[in-house]
Amino acid sequence: MTESQPCGIDEGPAQKVSVSMPAGRIAAVRARTGTRGFSAYVSAAVERQLQRDLIEELLQEHEAQAGPIPQEMLDHAAQAFRAAEALVDLECGASRAEGEDASTEGETWRGRRAR
C-alpha cells in the first residue's frame, strides 16, 4: 500500500507501538496470555472496541433517522444479554464440576464470544 492509500483496519504489516496502562492490568493480561500472547490479546481487545464504536455510531445514525429505539426493544435486548450471561455462568460451573482447571475455565465461550 502506498502512503496515499491507507491500510484497512485488518490490513498492513504489524507495527510496534507504546501504550501506557495500569501495571495491574498489564499483570492480569500477562497472567492470561504469557509473554508471547500479550500483543494478540491487546489487538483483539482493540478490535472489539472498534466494533463497539461502529455499532454505537450505527445506533446513533438510526436514532437520528427513525427516532429512539422503543423501550420494549431495549428491555428485550437486555433480557437476551442476561440469558447469555447465565448460559456462560452455567457452562463455567459445569467445567469446574467436570474437574477442569480454573485457569482454562471458560476458554471455549470466550473464543465464541470474541468472534
PDB file of N, CA and C in Angstrom:
ATOM      1  N   MET A   1       0.847  -1.182   0.000  1.00  0.00           N
ATOM      2  CA  MET A   1       0.000   0.000   0.000  1.00  0.00           C
ATOM      3  C   MET A   1       0.893   1.246   0.000  1.00  0.00           C
ATOM      4  N   THR A   2       0.459   2.250  -0.689  1.00  0.00           N
ATOM      5  CA  THR A   2       1.217   3.489  -0.711  1.00  0.00           C
ATOM      6  C   THR A   2       0.735   4.390   0.408  1.00  0.00           C
ATOM      7  N   GLU A   3       1.495   5.452   0.659  1.00  0.00           N
ATOM      8  CA  GLU A   3       1.093   6.366   1.728  1.00  0.00           C
ATOM      9  C   GLU A   3      -0.228   7.053   1.409  1.00  0.00           C
ATOM     10  N   SER A   4      -0.538   7.221   0.100  1.00  0.00           N
ATOM     11  CA  SER A   4      -1.801   7.859  -0.257  1.00  0.00           C
ATOM     12  C   SER A   4      -2.985   6.910  -0.102  1.00  0.00           C
ATOM     13  N   GLN A   5      -2.676   5.593   0.001  1.00  0.00           N
ATOM     14  CA  GLN A   5      -3.717   4.589   0.212  1.00  0.00           C
ATOM     15  C   GLN A   5      -3.532   3.994   1.603  1.00  0.00           C
ATOM     16  N   PRO A   6      -4.279   4.481   2.584  1.00  0.00           N
ATOM     17  CA  PRO A   6      -4.117   3.935   3.939  1.00  0.00           C
ATOM     18  C   PRO A   6      -4.600   2.486   4.010  1.00  0.00           C
ATOM     19  N   CYS A   7      -4.024   1.755   4.940  1.00  0.00           N
ATOM     20  CA  CYS A   7      -4.413   0.359   5.167  1.00  0.00           C
ATOM     21  C   CYS A   7      -5.816   0.305   5.760  1.00  0.00           C
ATOM     22  N   GLY A   8      -6.528  -0.790   5.453  1.00  0.00           N
ATOM     23  CA  GLY A   8      -7.800  -1.049   6.102  1.00  0.00           C
ATOM     24  C   GLY A   8      -7.544  -1.473   7.540  1.00  0.00           C
ATOM     25  N   ILE A   9      -8.586  -1.617   8.310  1.00  0.00           N
ATOM     26  CA  ILE A   9      -8.460  -1.936   9.732  1.00  0.00           C
ATOM     27  C   ILE A   9      -7.646  -3.196   9.979  1.00  0.00           C
ATOM     28  N   ASP A  10      -7.856  -4.231   9.190  1.00  0.00           N
ATOM     29  CA  ASP A  10      -7.161  -5.502   9.407  1.00  0.00           C
ATOM     30  C   ASP A  10      -6.085  -5.757   8.363  1.00  0.00           C
ATOM     31  N   GLU A  11      -5.545  -4.715   7.769  1.00  0.00           N
ATOM     32  CA  GLU A  11      -4.545  -4.857   6.720  1.00  0.00           C
ATOM     33  C   GLU A  11      -3.232  -4.223   7.142  1.00  0.00           C
ATOM     34  N   GLY A  12      -2.191  -4.562   6.391  1.00  0.00           N
ATOM     35  CA  GLY A  12      -0.892  -3.938   6.585  1.00  0.00           C
ATOM     36  C   GLY A  12      -0.021  -4.708   7.559  1.00  0.00           C
ATOM     37  N   PRO A  13       1.236  -4.358   7.578  1.00  0.00           N
ATOM     38  CA  PRO A  13       2.173  -5.043   8.458  1.00  0.00           C
ATOM     39  C   PRO A  13       1.946  -4.660   9.924  1.00  0.00           C
ATOM     40  N   ALA A  14       2.339  -5.554  10.801  1.00  0.00           N
ATOM     41  CA  ALA A  14       2.256  -5.253  12.234  1.00  0.00           C
ATOM     42  C   ALA A  14       3.287  -4.177  12.566  1.00  0.00           C
ATOM     43  N   GLN A  15       2.928  -3.305  13.455  1.00  0.00           N
ATOM     44  CA  GLN A  15       3.830  -2.249  13.896  1.00  0.00           C
ATOM     45  C   GLN A  15       3.878  -2.239  15.409  1.00  0.00           C
ATOM     46  N   LYS A  16       5.032  -1.942  15.931  1.00  0.00           N
ATOM     47  CA  LYS A  16       5.195  -1.851  17.378  1.00  0.00           C
ATOM     48  C   LYS A  16       4.783  -0.452  17.824  1.00  0.00           C
ATOM     49  N   VAL A  17       3.960  -0.388  18.874  1.00  0.00           N
ATOM     50  CA  VAL A  17       3.541   0.887  19.444  1.00  0.00           C
ATOM     51  C   VAL A  17       3.738   0.836  20.957  1.00  0.00           C
ATOM     52  N   SER A  18       3.798   1.980  21.557  1.00  0.00           N
ATOM     53  CA  SER A  18       3.921   2.071  23.003  1.00  0.00           C
ATOM     54  C   SER A  18       2.576   2.502  23.574  1.00  0.00           C
ATOM     55  N   VAL A  19       2.092   1.754  24.554  1.00  0.00           N
ATOM     56  CA  VAL A  19       0.801   2.051  25.172  1.00  0.00           C
ATOM     57  C   VAL A  19       0.993   2.078  26.681  1.00  0.00           C
ATOM     58  N   SER A  20       0.438   3.076  27.321  1.00  0.00           N
ATOM     59  CA  SER A  20       0.512   3.159  28.775  1.00  0.00           C
ATOM     60  C   SER A  20      -0.788   2.634  29.368  1.00  0.00           C
ATOM     61  N   MET A  21      -0.668   1.796  30.397  1.00  0.00           N
ATOM     62  CA  MET A  21      -1.841   1.299  31.115  1.00  0.00           C
ATOM     63  C   MET A  21      -1.404   0.925  32.522  1.00  0.00           C
ATOM     64  N   PRO A  22      -2.357   0.794  33.427  1.00  0.00           N
ATOM     65  CA  PRO A  22      -2.017   0.468  34.811  1.00  0.00           C
ATOM     66  C   PRO A  22      -1.260  -0.865  34.912  1.00  0.00           C
ATOM     67  N   ALA A  23      -0.283  -0.900  35.806  1.00  0.00           N
ATOM     68  CA  ALA A  23       0.550  -2.094  35.986  1.00  0.00           C
ATOM     69  C   ALA A  23      -0.281  -3.324  36.323  1.00  0.00           C
ATOM     70  N   GLY A  24      -1.339  -3.157  37.103  1.00  0.00           N
ATOM     71  CA  GLY A  24      -2.196  -4.285  37.456  1.00  0.00           C
ATOM     72  C   GLY A  24      -2.881  -4.888  36.243  1.00  0.00           C
ATOM     73  N   ARG A  25      -3.287  -4.043  35.313  1.00  0.00           N
ATOM     74  CA  ARG A  25      -3.924  -4.526  34.090  1.00  0.00           C
ATOM     75  C   ARG A  25      -2.912  -5.292  33.237  1.00  0.00           C
ATOM     76  N   ILE A  26      -1.688  -4.785  33.160  1.00  0.00           N
ATOM     77  CA  ILE A  26      -0.626  -5.472  32.413  1.00  0.00           C
ATOM     78  C   ILE A  26      -0.380  -6.848  33.023  1.00  0.00           C
ATOM     79  N   ALA A  27      -0.293  -6.903  34.348  1.00  0.00           N
ATOM     80  CA  ALA A  27      -0.066  -8.184  35.025  1.00  0.00           C
ATOM     81  C   ALA A  27      -1.211  -9.160  34.762  1.00  0.00           C
ATOM     82  N   ALA A  28      -2.442  -8.655  34.764  1.00  0.00           N
ATOM     83  CA  ALA A  28      -3.598  -9.522  34.522  1.00  0.00           C
ATOM     84  C   ALA A  28      -3.567 -10.095  33.109  1.00  0.00           C
ATOM     85  N   VAL A  29      -3.193  -9.280  32.128  1.00  0.00           N
ATOM     86  CA  VAL A  29      -3.105  -9.768  30.748  1.00  0.00           C
ATOM     87  C   VAL A  29      -1.985 -10.797  30.637  1.00  0.00           C
ATOM     88  N   ARG A  30      -0.822 -10.497  31.220  1.00  0.00           N
ATOM     89  CA  ARG A  30       0.302 -11.455  31.156  1.00  0.00           C
ATOM     90  C   ARG A  30      -0.050 -12.773  31.843  1.00  0.00           C
ATOM     91  N   ALA A  31      -0.819 -12.714  32.921  1.00  0.00           N
ATOM     92  CA  ALA A  31      -1.221 -13.941  33.611  1.00  0.00           C
ATOM     93  C   ALA A  31      -2.105 -14.803  32.704  1.00  0.00           C
ATOM     94  N   ARG A  32      -2.890 -14.164  31.846  1.00  0.00           N
ATOM     95  CA  ARG A  32      -3.773 -14.905  30.947  1.00  0.00           C
ATOM     96  C   ARG A  32      -3.071 -15.364  29.675  1.00  0.00           C
ATOM     97  N   THR A  33      -2.085 -14.602  29.221  1.00  0.00           N
ATOM     98  CA  THR A  33      -1.523 -14.859  27.901  1.00  0.00           C
ATOM     99  C   THR A  33      -0.099 -15.375  27.906  1.00  0.00           C
ATOM    100  N   GLY A  34       0.607 -15.199  28.982  1.00  0.00           N
ATOM    101  CA  GLY A  34       2.035 -15.490  28.948  1.00  0.00           C
ATOM    102  C   GLY A  34       2.761 -14.349  28.253  1.00  0.00           C
ATOM    103  N   THR A  35       4.049 -14.544  28.014  1.00  0.00           N
ATOM    104  CA  THR A  35       4.835 -13.449  27.445  1.00  0.00           C
ATOM    105  C   THR A  35       4.615 -13.274  25.948  1.00  0.00           C
ATOM    106  N   ARG A  36       4.238 -14.310  25.228  1.00  0.00           N
ATOM    107  CA  ARG A  36       4.148 -14.229  23.774  1.00  0.00           C
ATOM    108  C   ARG A  36       2.750 -13.875  23.268  1.00  0.00           C
ATOM    109  N   GLY A  37       1.732 -13.925  24.100  1.00  0.00           N
ATOM    110  CA  GLY A  37       0.386 -13.657  23.627  1.00  0.00           C
ATOM    111  C   GLY A  37      -0.128 -12.267  23.939  1.00  0.00           C
ATOM    112  N   PHE A  38       0.682 -11.441  24.566  1.00  0.00           N
ATOM    113  CA  PHE A  38       0.238 -10.126  25.018  1.00  0.00           C
ATOM    114  C   PHE A  38      -0.265  -9.266  23.851  1.00  0.00           C
ATOM    115  N   SER A  39       0.530  -9.164  22.791  1.00  0.00           N
ATOM    116  CA  SER A  39       0.142  -8.310  21.661  1.00  0.00           C
ATOM    117  C   SER A  39      -1.152  -8.781  21.007  1.00  0.00           C
ATOM    118  N   ALA A  40      -1.291 -10.080  20.833  1.00  0.00           N
ATOM    119  CA  ALA A  40      -2.516 -10.606  20.222  1.00  0.00           C
ATOM    120  C   ALA A  40      -3.730 -10.308  21.096  1.00  0.00           C
ATOM    121  N   TYR A  41      -3.569 -10.417  22.411  1.00  0.00           N
ATOM    122  CA  TYR A  41      -4.661 -10.147  23.344  1.00  0.00           C
ATOM    123  C   TYR A  41      -5.083  -8.678  23.247  1.00  0.00           C
ATOM    124  N   VAL A  42      -4.104  -7.787  23.256  1.00  0.00           N
ATOM    125  CA  VAL A  42      -4.403  -6.350  23.187  1.00  0.00           C
ATOM    126  C   VAL A  42      -5.004  -6.002  21.826  1.00  0.00           C
ATOM    127  N   SER A  43      -4.481  -6.599  20.751  1.00  0.00           N
ATOM    128  CA  SER A  43      -5.021  -6.347  19.422  1.00  0.00           C
ATOM    129  C   SER A  43      -6.481  -6.784  19.339  1.00  0.00           C
ATOM    130  N   ALA A  44      -6.800  -7.947  19.913  1.00  0.00           N
ATOM    131  CA  ALA A  44      -8.184  -8.426  19.911  1.00  0.00           C
ATOM    132  C   ALA A  44      -9.084  -7.495  20.721  1.00  0.00           C
ATOM    133  N   ALA A  45      -8.570  -6.975  21.837  1.00  0.00           N
ATOM    134  CA  ALA A  45      -9.357  -6.045  22.651  1.00  0.00           C
ATOM    135  C   ALA A  45      -9.636  -4.750  21.879  1.00  0.00           C
ATOM    136  N   VAL A  46      -8.643  -4.256  21.155  1.00  0.00           N
ATOM    137  CA  VAL A  46      -8.831  -3.051  20.346  1.00  0.00           C
ATOM    138  C   VAL A  46      -9.844  -3.323  19.232  1.00  0.00           C
ATOM    139  N   GLU A  47      -9.762  -4.504  18.619  1.00  0.00           N
ATOM    140  CA  GLU A  47     -10.721  -4.870  17.577  1.00  0.00           C
ATOM    141  C   GLU A  47     -12.147  -4.857  18.121  1.00  0.00           C
ATOM    142  N   ARG A  48     -12.345  -5.441  19.312  1.00  0.00           N
ATOM    143  CA  ARG A  48     -13.686  -5.451  19.907  1.00  0.00           C
ATOM    144  C   ARG A  48     -14.165  -4.028  20.201  1.00  0.00           C
ATOM    145  N   GLN A  49     -13.273  -3.157  20.671  1.00  0.00           N
ATOM    146  CA  GLN A  49     -13.668  -1.781  20.960  1.00  0.00           C
ATOM    147  C   GLN A  49     -14.043  -1.048  19.678  1.00  0.00           C
ATOM    148  N   LEU A  50     -13.278  -1.270  18.605  1.00  0.00           N
ATOM    149  CA  LEU A  50     -13.633  -0.654  17.327  1.00  0.00           C
ATOM    150  C   LEU A  50     -15.008  -1.114  16.865  1.00  0.00           C
ATOM    151  N   GLN A  51     -15.301  -2.410  17.038  1.00  0.00           N
ATOM    152  CA  GLN A  51     -16.624  -2.928  16.675  1.00  0.00           C
ATOM    153  C   GLN A  51     -17.707  -2.247  17.499  1.00  0.00           C
ATOM    154  N   ARG A  52     -17.478  -2.095  18.788  1.00  0.00           N
ATOM    155  CA  ARG A  52     -18.469  -1.422  19.655  1.00  0.00           C
ATOM    156  C   ARG A  52     -18.672   0.023  19.222  1.00  0.00           C
ATOM    157  N   ASP A  53     -17.562   0.708  18.884  1.00  0.00           N
ATOM    158  CA  ASP A  53     -17.672   2.096  18.442  1.00  0.00           C
ATOM    159  C   ASP A  53     -18.509   2.188  17.172  1.00  0.00           C
ATOM    160  N   LEU A  54     -18.275   1.273  16.229  1.00  0.00           N
ATOM    161  CA  LEU A  54     -19.044   1.284  14.977  1.00  0.00           C
ATOM    162  C   LEU A  54     -20.517   0.996  15.234  1.00  0.00           C
ATOM    163  N   ILE A  55     -20.797   0.059  16.126  1.00  0.00           N
ATOM    164  CA  ILE A  55     -22.195  -0.251  16.467  1.00  0.00           C
ATOM    165  C   ILE A  55     -22.862   0.974  17.085  1.00  0.00           C
ATOM    166  N   GLU A  56     -22.154   1.650  17.981  1.00  0.00           N
ATOM    167  CA  GLU A  56     -22.707   2.854  18.610  1.00  0.00           C
ATOM    168  C   GLU A  56     -22.997   3.925  17.559  1.00  0.00           C
ATOM    169  N   GLU A  57     -22.076   4.099  16.610  1.00  0.00           N
ATOM    170  CA  GLU A  57     -22.296   5.078  15.545  1.00  0.00           C
ATOM    171  C   GLU A  57     -23.513   4.711  14.702  1.00  0.00           C
ATOM    172  N   LEU A  58     -23.662   3.429  14.394  1.00  0.00           N
ATOM    173  CA  LEU A  58     -24.838   2.987  13.625  1.00  0.00           C
ATOM    174  C   LEU A  58     -26.127   3.223  14.397  1.00  0.00           C
ATOM    175  N   LEU A  59     -26.103   2.944  15.698  1.00  0.00           N
ATOM    176  CA  LEU A  59     -27.292   3.180  16.522  1.00  0.00           C
ATOM    177  C   LEU A  59     -27.657   4.662  16.547  1.00  0.00           C
ATOM    178  N   GLN A  60     -26.648   5.514  16.693  1.00  0.00           N
ATOM    179  CA  GLN A  60     -26.910   6.954  16.714  1.00  0.00           C
ATOM    180  C   GLN A  60     -27.474   7.426  15.375  1.00  0.00           C
ATOM    181  N   GLU A  61     -26.912   6.897  14.273  1.00  0.00           N
ATOM    182  CA  GLU A  61     -27.418   7.247  12.947  1.00  0.00           C
ATOM    183  C   GLU A  61     -28.861   6.777  12.776  1.00  0.00           C
ATOM    184  N   HIS A  62     -29.142   5.563  13.240  1.00  0.00           N
ATOM    185  CA  HIS A  62     -30.509   5.028  13.140  1.00  0.00           C
ATOM    186  C   HIS A  62     -31.470   5.881  13.959  1.00  0.00           C
ATOM    187  N   GLU A  63     -31.071   6.240  15.175  1.00  0.00           N
ATOM    188  CA  GLU A  63     -31.946   7.063  16.015  1.00  0.00           C
ATOM    189  C   GLU A  63     -32.187   8.436  15.398  1.00  0.00           C
ATOM    190  N   ALA A  64     -31.170   8.981  14.739  1.00  0.00           N
ATOM    191  CA  ALA A  64     -31.340  10.284  14.095  1.00  0.00           C
ATOM    192  C   ALA A  64     -32.362  10.197  12.957  1.00  0.00           C
ATOM    193  N   GLN A  65     -32.393   9.048  12.279  1.00  0.00           N
ATOM    194  CA  GLN A  65     -33.306   8.887  11.149  1.00  0.00           C
ATOM    195  C   GLN A  65     -34.691   8.396  11.575  1.00  0.00           C
ATOM    196  N   ALA A  66     -34.738   7.477  12.536  1.00  0.00           N
ATOM    197  CA  ALA A  66     -36.009   6.816  12.859  1.00  0.00           C
ATOM    198  C   ALA A  66     -36.514   7.117  14.259  1.00  0.00           C
ATOM    199  N   GLY A  67     -35.794   7.885  15.009  1.00  0.00           N
ATOM    200  CA  GLY A  67     -36.198   8.165  16.379  1.00  0.00           C
ATOM    201  C   GLY A  67     -35.602   7.148  17.340  1.00  0.00           C
ATOM    202  N   PRO A  68     -35.799   7.352  18.622  1.00  0.00           N
ATOM    203  CA  PRO A  68     -35.203   6.464  19.609  1.00  0.00           C
ATOM    204  C   PRO A  68     -35.746   5.034  19.526  1.00  0.00           C
ATOM    205  N   ILE A  69     -34.918   4.100  19.930  1.00  0.00           N
ATOM    206  CA  ILE A  69     -35.322   2.693  19.969  1.00  0.00           C
ATOM    207  C   ILE A  69     -36.368   2.548  21.075  1.00  0.00           C
ATOM    208  N   PRO A  70     -37.494   1.896  20.785  1.00  0.00           N
ATOM    209  CA  PRO A  70     -38.537   1.738  21.800  1.00  0.00           C
ATOM    210  C   PRO A  70     -38.015   0.989  23.037  1.00  0.00           C
ATOM    211  N   GLN A  71     -38.474   1.421  24.193  1.00  0.00           N
ATOM    212  CA  GLN A  71     -38.042   0.811  25.451  1.00  0.00           C
ATOM    213  C   GLN A  71     -38.302  -0.698  25.466  1.00  0.00           C
ATOM    214  N   GLU A  72     -39.392  -1.131  24.859  1.00  0.00           N
ATOM    215  CA  GLU A  72     -39.710  -2.562  24.805  1.00  0.00           C
ATOM    216  C   GLU A  72     -38.580  -3.349  24.127  1.00  0.00           C
ATOM    217  N   MET A  73     -38.034  -2.794  23.056  1.00  0.00           N
ATOM    218  CA  MET A  73     -36.936  -3.469  22.356  1.00  0.00           C
ATOM    219  C   MET A  73     -35.666  -3.447  23.202  1.00  0.00           C
ATOM    220  N   LEU A  74     -35.403  -2.343  23.877  1.00  0.00           N
ATOM    221  CA  LEU A  74     -34.233  -2.261  24.760  1.00  0.00           C
ATOM    222  C   LEU A  74     -34.338  -3.275  25.894  1.00  0.00           C
ATOM    223  N   ASP A  75     -35.537  -3.401  26.457  1.00  0.00           N
ATOM    224  CA  ASP A  75     -35.753  -4.378  27.527  1.00  0.00           C
ATOM    225  C   ASP A  75     -35.535  -5.802  27.018  1.00  0.00           C
ATOM    226  N   HIS A  76     -36.024  -6.085  25.816  1.00  0.00           N
ATOM    227  CA  HIS A  76     -35.851  -7.412  25.223  1.00  0.00           C
ATOM    228  C   HIS A  76     -34.367  -7.713  25.013  1.00  0.00           C
ATOM    229  N   ALA A  77     -33.609  -6.738  24.513  1.00  0.00           N
ATOM    230  CA  ALA A  77     -32.170  -6.929  24.305  1.00  0.00           C
ATOM    231  C   ALA A  77     -31.461  -7.167  25.632  1.00  0.00           C
ATOM    232  N   ALA A  78     -31.813  -6.409  26.669  1.00  0.00           N
ATOM    233  CA  ALA A  78     -31.198  -6.594  27.980  1.00  0.00           C
ATOM    234  C   ALA A  78     -31.494  -7.987  28.522  1.00  0.00           C
ATOM    235  N   GLN A  79     -32.713  -8.452  28.319  1.00  0.00           N
ATOM    236  CA  GLN A  79     -33.091  -9.797  28.762  1.00  0.00           C
ATOM    237  C   GLN A  79     -32.266 -10.852  28.010  1.00  0.00           C
ATOM    238  N   ALA A  80     -32.050 -10.658  26.720  1.00  0.00           N
ATOM    239  CA  ALA A  80     -31.258 -11.611  25.928  1.00  0.00           C
ATOM    240  C   ALA A  80     -29.813 -11.644  26.426  1.00  0.00           C
ATOM    241  N   PHE A  81     -29.244 -10.499  26.759  1.00  0.00           N
ATOM    242  CA  PHE A  81     -27.883 -10.469  27.289  1.00  0.00           C
ATOM    243  C   PHE A  81     -27.800 -11.162  28.644  1.00  0.00           C
ATOM    244  N   ARG A  82     -28.793 -10.939  29.498  1.00  0.00           N
ATOM    245  CA  ARG A  82     -28.794 -11.623  30.808  1.00  0.00           C
ATOM    246  C   ARG A  82     -28.878 -13.132  30.626  1.00  0.00           C
ATOM    247  N   ALA A  83     -29.696 -13.591  29.669  1.00  0.00           N
ATOM    248  CA  ALA A  83     -29.808 -15.027  29.405  1.00  0.00           C
ATOM    249  C   ALA A  83     -28.480 -15.583  28.902  1.00  0.00           C
ATOM    250  N   ALA A  84     -27.790 -14.835  28.039  1.00  0.00           N
ATOM    251  CA  ALA A  84     -26.491 -15.283  27.530  1.00  0.00           C
ATOM    252  C   ALA A  84     -25.469 -15.363  28.664  1.00  0.00           C
ATOM    253  N   GLU A  85     -25.468 -14.381  29.540  1.00  0.00           N
ATOM    254  CA  GLU A  85     -24.553 -14.410  30.689  1.00  0.00           C
ATOM    255  C   GLU A  85     -24.853 -15.594  31.589  1.00  0.00           C
ATOM    256  N   ALA A  86     -26.130 -15.915  31.781  1.00  0.00           N
ATOM    257  CA  ALA A  86     -26.500 -17.065  32.612  1.00  0.00           C
ATOM    258  C   ALA A  86     -25.991 -18.359  31.991  1.00  0.00           C
ATOM    259  N   LEU A  87     -26.057 -18.461  30.665  1.00  0.00           N
ATOM    260  CA  LEU A  87     -25.527 -19.647  29.990  1.00  0.00           C
ATOM    261  C   LEU A  87     -24.022 -19.760  30.183  1.00  0.00           C
ATOM    262  N   VAL A  88     -23.333 -18.632  30.119  1.00  0.00           N
ATOM    263  CA  VAL A  88     -21.879 -18.634  30.339  1.00  0.00           C
ATOM    264  C   VAL A  88     -21.575 -19.095  31.760  1.00  0.00           C
ATOM    265  N   ASP A  89     -22.303 -18.561  32.729  1.00  0.00           N
ATOM    266  CA  ASP A  89     -22.094 -18.967  34.124  1.00  0.00           C
ATOM    267  C   ASP A  89     -22.354 -20.456  34.295  1.00  0.00           C
ATOM    268  N   LEU A  90     -23.396 -20.939  33.647  1.00  0.00           N
ATOM    269  CA  LEU A  90     -23.734 -22.359  33.715  1.00  0.00           C
ATOM    270  C   LEU A  90     -22.624 -23.201  33.093  1.00  0.00           C
ATOM    271  N   GLU A  91     -22.121 -22.780  31.941  1.00  0.00           N
ATOM    272  CA  GLU A  91     -21.043 -23.513  31.266  1.00  0.00           C
ATOM    273  C   GLU A  91     -19.775 -23.518  32.116  1.00  0.00           C
ATOM    274  N   CYS A  92     -19.440 -22.400  32.703  1.00  0.00           N
ATOM    275  CA  CYS A  92     -18.244 -22.333  33.552  1.00  0.00           C
ATOM    276  C   CYS A  92     -18.416 -23.209  34.783  1.00  0.00           C
ATOM    277  N   GLY A  93     -19.606 -23.226  35.357  1.00  0.00           N
ATOM    278  CA  GLY A  93     -19.875 -24.080  36.513  1.00  0.00           C
ATOM    279  C   GLY A  93     -19.775 -25.544  36.151  1.00  0.00           C
ATOM    280  N   ALA A  94     -20.258 -25.933  34.971  1.00  0.00           N
ATOM    281  CA  ALA A  94     -20.171 -27.323  34.516  1.00  0.00           C
ATOM    282  C   ALA A  94     -18.723 -27.716  34.295  1.00  0.00           C
ATOM    283  N   SER A  95     -17.912 -26.787  33.771  1.00  0.00           N
ATOM    284  CA  SER A  95     -16.499 -27.083  33.548  1.00  0.00           C
ATOM    285  C   SER A  95     -15.794 -27.365  34.864  1.00  0.00           C
ATOM    286  N   ARG A  96     -16.089 -26.575  35.887  1.00  0.00           N
ATOM    287  CA  ARG A  96     -15.472 -26.793  37.196  1.00  0.00           C
ATOM    288  C   ARG A  96     -15.915 -28.123  37.786  1.00  0.00           C
ATOM    289  N   ALA A  97     -17.195 -28.452  37.604  1.00  0.00           N
ATOM    290  CA  ALA A  97     -17.722 -29.702  38.146  1.00  0.00           C
ATOM    291  C   ALA A  97     -17.079 -30.912  37.472  1.00  0.00           C
ATOM    292  N   GLU A  98     -16.676 -30.747  36.198  1.00  0.00           N
ATOM    293  CA  GLU A  98     -16.036 -31.836  35.476  1.00  0.00           C
ATOM    294  C   GLU A  98     -14.551 -31.922  35.771  1.00  0.00           C
ATOM    295  N   GLY A  99     -14.057 -31.064  36.658  1.00  0.00           N
ATOM    296  CA  GLY A  99     -12.666 -31.117  37.062  1.00  0.00           C
ATOM    297  C   GLY A  99     -11.722 -30.327  36.179  1.00  0.00           C
ATOM    298  N   GLU A 100     -12.233 -29.433  35.357  1.00  0.00           N
ATOM    299  CA  GLU A 100     -11.380 -28.624  34.506  1.00  0.00           C
ATOM    300  C   GLU A 100     -10.608 -27.637  35.362  1.00  0.00           C
ATOM    301  N   ASP A 101      -9.375 -27.384  35.008  1.00  0.00           N
ATOM    302  CA  ASP A 101      -8.509 -26.440  35.709  1.00  0.00           C
ATOM    303  C   ASP A 101      -9.124 -25.042  35.639  1.00  0.00           C
ATOM    304  N   ALA A 102      -9.101 -24.304  36.738  1.00  0.00           N
ATOM    305  CA  ALA A 102      -9.701 -22.967  36.777  1.00  0.00           C
ATOM    306  C   ALA A 102      -9.014 -22.018  35.799  1.00  0.00           C
ATOM    307  N   SER A 103      -7.733 -22.257  35.470  1.00  0.00           N
ATOM    308  CA  SER A 103      -7.041 -21.357  34.552  1.00  0.00           C
ATOM    309  C   SER A 103      -7.558 -21.487  33.130  1.00  0.00           C
ATOM    310  N   THR A 104      -8.211 -22.606  32.791  1.00  0.00           N
ATOM    311  CA  THR A 104      -8.743 -22.782  31.442  1.00  0.00           C
ATOM    312  C   THR A 104     -10.251 -22.648  31.398  1.00  0.00           C
ATOM    313  N   GLU A 105     -10.876 -22.414  32.520  1.00  0.00           N
ATOM    314  CA  GLU A 105     -12.336 -22.336  32.531  1.00  0.00           C
ATOM    315  C   GLU A 105     -12.831 -21.230  31.622  1.00  0.00           C
ATOM    316  N   GLY A 106     -13.850 -21.544  30.890  1.00  0.00           N
ATOM    317  CA  GLY A 106     -14.482 -20.540  30.051  1.00  0.00           C
ATOM    318  C   GLY A 106     -13.773 -20.239  28.749  1.00  0.00           C
ATOM    319  N   GLU A 107     -12.662 -20.902  28.438  1.00  0.00           N
ATOM    320  CA  GLU A 107     -11.959 -20.591  27.204  1.00  0.00           C
ATOM    321  C   GLU A 107     -12.839 -20.805  25.987  1.00  0.00           C
ATOM    322  N   THR A 108     -13.666 -21.840  26.003  1.00  0.00           N
ATOM    323  CA  THR A 108     -14.493 -22.111  24.823  1.00  0.00           C
ATOM    324  C   THR A 108     -15.503 -20.994  24.606  1.00  0.00           C
ATOM    325  N   TRP A 109     -16.184 -20.549  25.629  1.00  0.00           N
ATOM    326  CA  TRP A 109     -17.163 -19.492  25.399  1.00  0.00           C
ATOM    327  C   TRP A 109     -16.474 -18.181  25.084  1.00  0.00           C
ATOM    328  N   ARG A 110     -15.300 -17.934  25.644  1.00  0.00           N
ATOM    329  CA  ARG A 110     -14.605 -16.686  25.324  1.00  0.00           C
ATOM    330  C   ARG A 110     -14.255 -16.653  23.854  1.00  0.00           C
ATOM    331  N   GLY A 111     -13.802 -17.766  23.302  1.00  0.00           N
ATOM    332  CA  GLY A 111     -13.464 -17.815  21.883  1.00  0.00           C
ATOM    333  C   GLY A 111     -14.670 -17.556  21.012  1.00  0.00           C
ATOM    334  N   ARG A 112     -15.806 -18.169  21.353  1.00  0.00           N
ATOM    335  CA  ARG A 112     -17.023 -17.956  20.560  1.00  0.00           C
ATOM    336  C   ARG A 112     -17.499 -16.529  20.686  1.00  0.00           C
ATOM    337  N   ARG A 113     -17.380 -15.963  21.866  1.00  0.00           N
ATOM    338  CA  ARG A 113     -17.876 -14.619  22.132  1.00  0.00           C
ATOM    339  C   ARG A 113     -17.063 -13.565  21.359  1.00  0.00           C
ATOM    340  N   ALA A 114     -15.758 -13.814  21.224  1.00  0.00           N
ATOM    341  CA  ALA A 114     -14.898 -12.828  20.606  1.00  0.00           C
ATOM    342  C   ALA A 114     -15.048 -12.772  19.090  1.00  0.00           C
ATOM    343  N   ARG A 115     -15.621 -13.784  18.490  1.00  0.00           N
ATOM    344  CA  ARG A 115     -15.736 -13.813  17.018  1.00  0.00           C
ATOM    345  C   ARG A 115     -16.776 -12.882  16.507  1.00  0.00           C
TER     346      ARG A 115
END
